[in-house]
Amino acid sequence: MSTGDDQPPIDPGAIEAALAPFGRSVTLPAAAYTSPEVFAWEQRHLFETSWVCLGRSSDLSRPGDRTAVGVGTDGVVLVRGQDGTLRGFFNVCRHRGHQVVEPGAVTNAPIIRCPYHAWVYGLDGCLRGAADFNEVSGFDVADYRLTTVPVAEWHGWVFANASGDGPAFDRYLGGLHHHMEPYEPERLVCAARHDYVVRANWKLIVENYHECYHCSSIHPELCRVSPPTSGVNLDTNGAWVGGIMELADDAVTMSLDGRSEGTMLPGLSQEQRRQVLYVGLFPNLLISPHPDYVLTHLLTPLSPDETRVDCEWLFASEATERTRFDPSYAVDFWDLTNRQDWHACESVQKGMASRGHRPGPLSPREDAVYQFITLVAKGYRDGRVSTPAPVTGVPLR
């Protein structure tokens, strides 16, 4: 149970109402989506204690590759060592606190040099040189290595845990590896990227992703290739929520005409070739494996009412190496669907800001939304994210 400064600025009664058994619970209060104080609390207590996805391993493939990113309220440097190991460090020089790597694109160099006073670090974070400190009594470079941040690589994605005291990464994943392994995302190649800035709270985007109750209303193209009432949600025992939807009889993938211009992913069963998997790994990675590609949404909260969403479409190399391969069959479908979703999420965000808003009930088809809200509400209550046992009392469609 959270106490003191760990308590979020949200009415405890509203948290408990969201945690009531499925069928009697309500959604989170408006403050969870609009309050700057709640947003700041989430960055410190939900994002910094979680394993936050920071991108793809392939973007940092060569020794010396490095980039500076944000995790919650902290800055982190990711760097590929000469030994091939990816390491994470706080983006803070041990001298006077200057950022050792400027945020931005991936760069490459054999060392890390602080741009302020030119302290030099190896790719392993060890201090190699500090100008004018050779004659300082008692100064030992071994005492001033960059401060380590735990990182993990999984199926080609990179994760960091800024607090350093989060659950072990394999426990955080629970049984997710079993569901993801047949798609071998680490083998896939990014063939397209789209970046969006959505004027909505990050949780509204995740909640929207986890239900198709709205699909008949705003996604006619999607409903033609995947029946909106199909599929089941999965039992989860980690910090994730997921489910499966079926393809229509005349569709082989999610595209505007249901046809694929790619290559079916090897290793899938006949059943998996007729399904699309939807997984939200808390807090910011949405993974959607299809029979012939994997779509991801990487969320970066910018403010209570604004979120950057970076989408990538990953394909088998057998497809991307073809001379005339064109990923637009998948990209165009999901770009259209994304924009339909963003319009809906932005409208909900406006409703959250209304004095007339009250938390509402969830339909029987919004059970995965309940599972996600449970992760968030328990995080509010406990002051950090935990790896829950399977949520009980939630029917699987």
Protein backbone atom coordinates (compact mmCIF):
# COMPACT_ATOMS: atom_id res chain seq x y z
CA MET A 1 0.00 0.00 0.00
CA SER A 2 1.38 3.44 -0.93
CA THR A 3 1.91 5.99 1.80
CA GLY A 4 2.98 9.63 2.07
CA ASP A 5 4.56 10.96 -1.10
CA ASP A 6 3.89 7.63 -2.83
CA GLN A 7 0.16 8.29 -2.89
CA PRO A 8 -1.17 9.61 -6.21
CA PRO A 9 -3.29 12.77 -6.15
CA ILE A 10 -6.45 10.73 -6.83
CA ASP A 11 -9.38 9.98 -4.53
CA PRO A 12 -8.71 6.52 -3.00
CA GLY A 13 -12.40 5.76 -3.31
CA ALA A 14 -12.20 6.22 -7.08
CA ILE A 15 -9.27 3.79 -7.22
CA GLU A 16 -11.22 1.17 -5.29
CA ALA A 17 -14.26 1.70 -7.55
CA ALA A 18 -12.06 0.91 -10.56
CA LEU A 19 -10.80 -2.23 -8.80
CA ALA A 20 -14.28 -3.58 -8.02
CA PRO A 21 -15.05 -6.96 -9.63
CA PHE A 22 -15.58 -6.91 -13.38
CA GLY A 23 -19.18 -6.07 -14.11
CA ARG A 24 -19.42 -3.77 -11.09
CA SER A 25 -16.32 -1.64 -11.63
CA VAL A 26 -16.15 1.76 -13.32
CA THR A 27 -13.46 3.50 -15.30
CA LEU A 28 -10.73 5.63 -13.74
CA PRO A 29 -11.67 9.17 -12.68
CA ALA A 30 -11.10 12.11 -15.01
CA ALA A 31 -8.08 13.28 -13.00
CA ALA A 32 -6.21 10.18 -14.16
CA TYR A 33 -6.36 11.57 -17.70
CA THR A 34 -6.23 15.34 -17.19
CA SER A 35 -4.28 16.22 -14.03
CA PRO A 36 -0.66 17.44 -14.39
CA GLU A 37 -0.03 16.20 -10.85
CA VAL A 38 -1.25 12.69 -11.70
CA PHE A 39 0.80 12.72 -14.91
CA ALA A 40 3.97 13.66 -13.00
CA TRP A 41 3.22 10.99 -10.38
CA GLU A 42 2.81 8.33 -13.10
CA GLN A 43 6.15 9.24 -14.65
CA ARG A 44 7.92 8.74 -11.32
CA HIS A 45 5.99 5.76 -9.97
CA LEU A 46 4.61 3.85 -12.96
CA PHE A 47 7.15 4.47 -15.71
CA GLU A 48 10.35 4.59 -13.67
CA THR A 49 9.48 1.38 -11.78
CA SER A 50 8.40 -0.49 -14.93
CA TRP A 51 10.35 -1.98 -17.80
CA VAL A 52 9.82 0.75 -20.38
CA CYS A 53 10.36 -0.06 -24.05
CA LEU A 54 12.83 2.31 -25.72
CA GLY A 55 12.95 0.98 -29.29
CA ARG A 56 14.58 -1.73 -31.37
CA SER A 57 17.91 -3.44 -30.81
CA SER A 58 18.67 -3.12 -34.52
CA ASP A 59 18.95 0.66 -34.10
CA LEU A 60 21.93 0.06 -31.79
CA SER A 61 23.61 -2.85 -33.55
CA ARG A 62 27.25 -1.71 -33.89
CA PRO A 63 29.81 -1.33 -31.10
CA GLY A 64 29.88 2.35 -30.15
CA ASP A 65 26.26 3.01 -31.14
CA ARG A 66 24.57 5.15 -28.52
CA THR A 67 21.45 7.22 -27.99
CA ALA A 68 19.97 9.29 -25.17
CA VAL A 69 16.32 8.71 -24.27
CA GLY A 70 13.87 9.57 -21.53
CA VAL A 71 12.47 7.08 -19.00
CA GLY A 72 9.88 8.74 -16.81
CA THR A 73 11.52 11.91 -15.52
CA ASP A 74 15.05 10.57 -16.01
CA GLY A 75 17.49 10.57 -18.90
CA VAL A 76 19.16 7.31 -19.93
CA VAL A 77 22.02 6.54 -22.33
CA LEU A 78 21.92 3.25 -24.22
CA VAL A 79 25.25 2.14 -25.68
CA ARG A 80 26.44 -0.99 -27.48
CA GLY A 81 29.77 -2.16 -26.07
CA GLN A 82 32.73 -3.64 -27.90
CA ASP A 83 31.67 -7.01 -26.47
CA GLY A 84 28.24 -6.68 -28.13
CA THR A 85 26.44 -6.09 -24.83
CA LEU A 86 23.87 -3.31 -24.68
CA ARG A 87 24.27 -1.25 -21.50
CA GLY A 88 22.28 1.53 -19.90
CA PHE A 89 23.53 4.47 -17.85
CA PHE A 90 21.93 7.56 -16.40
CA ASN A 91 22.70 10.47 -18.72
CA VAL A 92 24.65 12.30 -16.03
CA CYS A 93 28.36 13.03 -15.95
CA ARG A 94 29.93 12.09 -12.63
CA HIS A 95 31.74 15.45 -12.52
CA ARG A 96 29.17 18.25 -12.59
CA GLY A 97 26.03 16.50 -13.86
CA HIS A 98 26.05 17.54 -17.52
CA GLN A 99 24.35 15.15 -19.95
CA VAL A 100 27.07 12.98 -21.46
CA VAL A 101 25.07 12.32 -24.64
CA GLU A 102 22.80 14.87 -26.28
CA PRO A 103 19.30 13.49 -26.89
CA GLY A 104 18.56 12.82 -30.53
CA ALA A 105 19.58 10.41 -33.24
CA VAL A 106 21.82 7.40 -32.76
CA THR A 107 25.52 8.29 -33.06
CA ASN A 108 28.67 6.17 -32.96
CA ALA A 109 32.06 6.67 -31.31
CA PRO A 110 34.57 4.46 -29.45
CA ILE A 111 34.21 6.50 -26.25
CA ILE A 112 31.68 8.67 -24.43
CA ARG A 113 32.99 12.19 -23.94
CA CYS A 114 31.11 14.66 -21.76
CA PRO A 115 30.76 17.87 -23.82
CA TYR A 116 31.13 20.11 -20.75
CA HIS A 117 34.55 19.35 -19.22
CA ALA A 118 35.61 16.49 -21.53
CA TRP A 119 35.56 13.67 -18.98
CA VAL A 120 35.97 10.49 -21.02
CA TYR A 121 34.17 7.21 -20.38
CA GLY A 122 34.52 3.82 -22.01
CA LEU A 123 31.60 2.07 -23.62
CA ASP A 124 31.38 0.04 -20.40
CA GLY A 125 30.74 3.22 -18.38
CA CYS A 126 34.16 3.26 -16.69
CA LEU A 127 35.86 6.63 -16.39
CA ARG A 128 38.96 6.66 -18.61
CA GLY A 129 40.16 10.19 -18.17
CA ALA A 130 39.46 13.42 -16.27
CA ALA A 131 41.51 16.45 -17.28
CA ASP A 132 43.63 18.01 -14.50
CA PHE A 133 42.73 15.32 -11.94
CA ASN A 134 45.95 13.33 -12.28
CA GLU A 135 47.54 15.19 -9.38
CA VAL A 136 44.47 15.36 -7.16
CA SER A 137 45.17 13.38 -3.99
CA GLY A 138 42.82 10.45 -3.45
CA PHE A 139 41.12 10.76 -6.84
CA ASP A 140 40.50 7.33 -8.35
CA VAL A 141 38.79 6.94 -11.73
CA ALA A 142 37.33 3.64 -10.49
CA ASP A 143 35.11 5.62 -8.13
CA TYR A 144 33.44 7.63 -10.90
CA ARG A 145 31.99 5.28 -13.47
CA LEU A 146 28.63 6.19 -15.00
CA THR A 147 25.68 5.03 -12.92
CA THR A 148 24.15 1.87 -14.34
CA VAL A 149 20.52 1.47 -15.40
CA PRO A 150 19.23 -2.11 -15.84
CA VAL A 151 18.41 -2.89 -19.48
CA ALA A 152 17.07 -5.96 -21.26
CA GLU A 153 16.73 -7.05 -24.87
CA TRP A 154 13.79 -9.24 -25.79
CA HIS A 155 12.77 -10.37 -29.29
CA GLY A 156 14.56 -7.35 -30.78
CA TRP A 157 13.14 -4.70 -28.42
CA VAL A 158 15.08 -2.76 -25.78
CA PHE A 159 13.77 -2.11 -22.27
CA ALA A 160 15.07 -0.18 -19.26
CA ASN A 161 14.07 -0.03 -15.60
CA ALA A 162 15.13 3.38 -14.29
CA SER A 163 14.38 2.66 -10.63
CA GLY A 164 16.72 -0.32 -10.66
CA ASP A 165 14.48 -2.16 -8.20
CA GLY A 166 11.71 -3.35 -10.46
CA PRO A 167 10.79 -7.03 -10.82
CA ALA A 168 13.11 -9.30 -12.78
CA PHE A 169 12.40 -8.88 -16.48
CA ASP A 170 11.39 -12.50 -17.03
CA ARG A 171 8.90 -12.25 -14.16
CA TYR A 172 7.60 -8.98 -15.61
CA LEU A 173 6.91 -10.78 -18.90
CA GLY A 174 5.18 -13.73 -17.27
CA GLY A 175 3.94 -16.03 -20.01
CA LEU A 176 4.18 -13.49 -22.82
CA HIS A 177 7.28 -15.11 -24.32
CA HIS A 178 5.24 -18.22 -25.08
CA HIS A 179 2.79 -16.20 -27.18
CA MET A 180 5.42 -14.09 -28.97
CA GLU A 181 8.03 -16.74 -29.75
CA PRO A 182 6.37 -18.26 -32.86
CA TYR A 183 6.51 -14.89 -34.65
CA GLU A 184 10.28 -14.46 -34.08
CA PRO A 185 10.13 -10.64 -34.04
CA GLU A 186 13.90 -10.45 -33.57
CA ARG A 187 14.32 -11.78 -37.14
CA LEU A 188 12.03 -9.21 -38.71
CA VAL A 189 13.03 -6.06 -40.55
CA CYS A 190 11.43 -2.64 -40.14
CA ALA A 191 10.13 -1.60 -43.57
CA ALA A 192 8.03 1.43 -42.56
CA ARG A 193 7.66 3.92 -39.72
CA HIS A 194 4.95 6.48 -38.95
CA ASP A 195 5.05 8.94 -36.06
CA TYR A 196 1.93 10.56 -34.62
CA VAL A 197 1.25 13.10 -31.90
CA VAL A 198 -2.17 12.29 -30.43
CA ARG A 199 -3.95 14.89 -28.31
CA ALA A 200 -5.00 12.34 -25.71
CA ASN A 201 -3.69 10.80 -22.52
CA TRP A 202 -1.55 7.71 -23.05
CA LYS A 203 -3.96 5.49 -21.10
CA LEU A 204 -6.87 6.34 -23.39
CA ILE A 205 -4.81 5.11 -26.35
CA VAL A 206 -4.03 1.84 -24.57
CA GLU A 207 -7.64 1.36 -23.46
CA ASN A 208 -8.85 1.95 -27.03
CA TYR A 209 -6.34 -0.63 -28.30
CA HIS A 210 -7.65 -3.30 -25.94
CA GLU A 211 -11.27 -3.38 -27.09
CA CYS A 212 -13.19 -3.75 -30.32
CA TYR A 213 -16.52 -2.70 -28.83
CA HIS A 214 -16.04 0.50 -30.85
CA CYS A 215 -14.98 -1.19 -34.09
CA SER A 216 -18.43 -1.47 -35.69
CA SER A 217 -18.92 2.25 -35.14
CA ILE A 218 -15.66 3.71 -36.48
CA HIS A 219 -13.70 0.96 -38.29
CA PRO A 220 -15.70 -0.33 -41.29
CA GLU A 221 -12.50 -1.33 -43.11
CA LEU A 222 -11.29 -3.37 -40.14
CA CYS A 223 -14.63 -5.09 -39.71
CA ARG A 224 -14.51 -6.30 -43.33
CA VAL A 225 -11.32 -8.30 -42.67
CA SER A 226 -11.73 -9.22 -38.98
CA PRO A 227 -15.11 -9.76 -37.28
CA PRO A 228 -15.19 -7.34 -34.33
CA THR A 229 -16.77 -9.92 -31.97
CA SER A 230 -14.26 -12.67 -32.78
CA GLY A 231 -11.45 -13.99 -30.65
CA VAL A 232 -10.60 -14.38 -26.98
CA ASN A 233 -8.62 -12.56 -24.35
CA LEU A 234 -5.64 -14.31 -22.81
CA ASP A 235 -4.93 -15.24 -19.21
CA THR A 236 -1.96 -13.12 -18.15
CA ASN A 237 0.48 -13.53 -15.28
CA GLY A 238 2.79 -10.63 -16.03
CA ALA A 239 2.54 -6.90 -16.60
CA TRP A 240 0.67 -7.21 -19.90
CA VAL A 241 -2.78 -7.58 -21.38
CA GLY A 242 -3.56 -9.41 -24.60
CA GLY A 243 -6.03 -11.17 -26.83
CA ILE A 244 -6.59 -12.78 -30.21
CA MET A 245 -8.96 -11.85 -33.02
CA GLU A 246 -9.84 -13.95 -36.04
CA LEU A 247 -9.48 -13.03 -39.68
CA ALA A 248 -12.53 -13.08 -41.94
CA ASP A 249 -12.89 -16.18 -44.11
CA ASP A 250 -11.79 -14.34 -47.27
CA ALA A 251 -8.90 -12.43 -45.65
CA VAL A 252 -5.33 -13.63 -45.16
CA THR A 253 -4.16 -10.56 -43.24
CA MET A 254 -5.21 -7.11 -42.08
CA SER A 255 -5.18 -4.95 -45.20
CA LEU A 256 -7.77 -2.93 -47.05
CA ASP A 257 -8.61 -5.86 -49.34
CA GLY A 258 -7.57 -8.66 -47.00
CA ARG A 259 -4.72 -9.72 -49.27
CA SER A 260 -1.03 -9.90 -48.40
CA GLU A 261 1.86 -8.55 -50.45
CA GLY A 262 4.36 -9.97 -47.97
CA THR A 263 5.56 -13.39 -46.86
CA MET A 264 3.84 -15.54 -44.27
CA LEU A 265 5.95 -15.74 -41.13
CA PRO A 266 7.50 -19.21 -40.76
CA GLY A 267 6.82 -21.28 -37.70
CA LEU A 268 3.15 -20.34 -37.32
CA SER A 269 0.52 -23.02 -36.95
CA GLN A 270 -2.46 -23.13 -39.26
CA GLU A 271 -4.53 -21.67 -36.42
CA GLN A 272 -2.08 -18.78 -35.91
CA ARG A 273 -2.22 -18.00 -39.63
CA ARG A 274 -5.90 -17.21 -39.16
CA GLN A 275 -5.39 -14.91 -36.17
CA VAL A 276 -4.05 -11.52 -35.17
CA LEU A 277 -2.55 -11.19 -31.69
CA TYR A 278 -2.92 -7.92 -29.75
CA VAL A 279 -0.63 -7.42 -26.75
CA GLY A 280 -0.03 -4.39 -24.53
CA LEU A 281 3.18 -4.74 -22.49
CA PHE A 282 2.90 -2.21 -19.68
CA PRO A 283 3.37 0.66 -19.84
CA ASN A 284 4.15 1.71 -23.41
CA LEU A 285 4.54 -1.07 -26.01
CA LEU A 286 1.63 -2.39 -28.08
CA ILE A 287 2.55 -5.42 -30.22
CA SER A 288 0.25 -6.71 -32.96
CA PRO A 289 1.62 -9.85 -34.68
CA HIS A 290 -0.12 -10.76 -37.93
CA PRO A 291 0.44 -13.84 -40.08
CA ASP A 292 2.78 -11.84 -42.36
CA TYR A 293 4.00 -8.83 -40.35
CA VAL A 294 4.22 -7.38 -36.85
CA LEU A 295 2.93 -3.89 -36.09
CA THR A 296 4.06 -2.01 -32.99
CA HIS A 297 2.92 1.18 -31.31
CA LEU A 298 5.52 2.72 -28.98
CA LEU A 299 3.96 5.34 -26.69
CA THR A 300 5.78 8.30 -25.16
CA PRO A 301 3.58 10.42 -22.87
CA LEU A 302 4.31 14.11 -23.46
CA SER A 303 1.75 15.69 -21.15
CA PRO A 304 -1.57 14.74 -19.54
CA ASP A 305 -3.33 15.30 -22.85
CA GLU A 306 -0.68 14.55 -25.48
CA THR A 307 1.14 11.35 -26.47
CA ARG A 308 3.68 10.58 -29.17
CA VAL A 309 3.03 7.26 -30.90
CA ASP A 310 5.80 5.73 -33.01
CA CYS A 311 4.54 2.91 -35.25
CA GLU A 312 6.75 0.37 -36.98
CA TRP A 313 5.85 -2.35 -39.46
CA LEU A 314 8.17 -5.38 -39.29
CA PHE A 315 8.37 -7.96 -42.07
CA ALA A 316 10.30 -11.12 -42.83
CA SER A 317 13.55 -10.47 -44.71
CA GLU A 318 12.30 -12.82 -47.43
CA ALA A 319 9.71 -10.14 -48.20
CA THR A 320 11.80 -6.97 -47.73
CA GLU A 321 14.61 -8.30 -49.93
CA ARG A 322 12.31 -8.65 -52.91
CA THR A 323 13.01 -5.97 -55.51
CA ARG A 324 9.47 -4.65 -55.71
CA PHE A 325 8.33 -5.26 -52.16
CA ASP A 326 5.87 -2.58 -51.04
CA PRO A 327 4.71 -2.55 -47.40
CA SER A 328 1.91 -0.07 -48.11
CA TYR A 329 -0.74 -2.81 -48.12
CA ALA A 330 -0.23 -3.09 -44.35
CA VAL A 331 0.82 0.50 -43.66
CA ASP A 332 -2.15 2.11 -45.42
CA PHE A 333 -4.63 -0.10 -43.57
CA TRP A 334 -3.26 0.65 -40.13
CA ASP A 335 -2.57 4.33 -40.84
CA LEU A 336 -6.26 4.71 -41.66
CA THR A 337 -7.28 2.68 -38.60
CA ASN A 338 -4.87 4.62 -36.37
CA ARG A 339 -6.29 7.95 -37.47
CA GLN A 340 -9.82 6.75 -36.82
CA ASP A 341 -8.71 5.73 -33.33
CA TRP A 342 -6.84 8.98 -32.68
CA HIS A 343 -9.95 11.00 -33.55
CA ALA A 344 -11.98 8.95 -31.06
CA CYS A 345 -9.33 9.17 -28.32
CA GLU A 346 -9.03 12.94 -28.76
CA SER A 347 -12.79 13.28 -28.42
CA VAL A 348 -12.72 11.21 -25.21
CA GLN A 349 -9.92 13.42 -23.89
CA LYS A 350 -12.13 16.46 -24.38
CA GLY A 351 -14.93 14.68 -22.54
CA MET A 352 -12.60 13.90 -19.65
CA ALA A 353 -12.00 17.62 -19.20
CA SER A 354 -15.73 18.33 -18.88
CA ARG A 355 -17.16 19.04 -15.45
CA GLY A 356 -20.01 16.76 -16.50
CA HIS A 357 -17.81 13.66 -16.76
CA ARG A 358 -18.34 10.78 -14.34
CA PRO A 359 -16.62 7.35 -14.44
CA GLY A 360 -18.73 4.92 -16.44
CA PRO A 361 -19.25 1.14 -16.50
CA LEU A 362 -17.47 -1.31 -18.78
CA SER A 363 -19.36 -3.57 -21.17
CA PRO A 364 -18.87 -7.36 -21.18
CA ARG A 365 -16.74 -6.81 -24.32
CA GLU A 366 -14.34 -4.48 -22.51
CA ASP A 367 -12.80 -7.10 -20.24
CA ALA A 368 -9.26 -6.42 -21.52
CA VAL A 369 -9.78 -2.73 -20.72
CA TYR A 370 -10.63 -3.83 -17.18
CA GLN A 371 -7.40 -5.80 -17.01
CA PHE A 372 -5.38 -2.74 -18.09
CA ILE A 373 -7.22 -0.43 -15.70
CA THR A 374 -6.52 -2.96 -12.95
CA LEU A 375 -2.77 -2.71 -13.64
CA VAL A 376 -2.96 1.09 -13.44
CA ALA A 377 -5.25 1.25 -10.40
CA LYS A 378 -3.12 -1.23 -8.45
CA GLY A 379 -0.11 0.87 -9.38
CA TYR A 380 -1.88 3.93 -7.95
CA ARG A 381 -2.78 2.03 -4.79
CA ASP A 382 0.62 0.40 -4.23
CA GLY A 383 2.86 3.21 -5.46
CA ARG A 384 4.48 1.07 -8.17
CA VAL A 385 3.69 -1.50 -10.83
CA SER A 386 3.50 -5.12 -9.74
CA THR A 387 3.38 -8.33 -11.74
CA PRO A 388 -0.11 -9.56 -10.98
CA ALA A 389 -1.55 -13.01 -10.86
CA PRO A 390 -4.22 -13.60 -13.50
CA VAL A 391 -7.23 -11.36 -12.98
CA THR A 392 -10.07 -13.53 -11.69
CA GLY A 393 -13.71 -13.15 -12.53
CA VAL A 394 -13.04 -11.87 -16.06
CA PRO A 395 -14.72 -14.03 -18.70
CA LEU A 396 -12.65 -14.81 -21.79
CA ARG A 397 -14.66 -14.27 -24.94
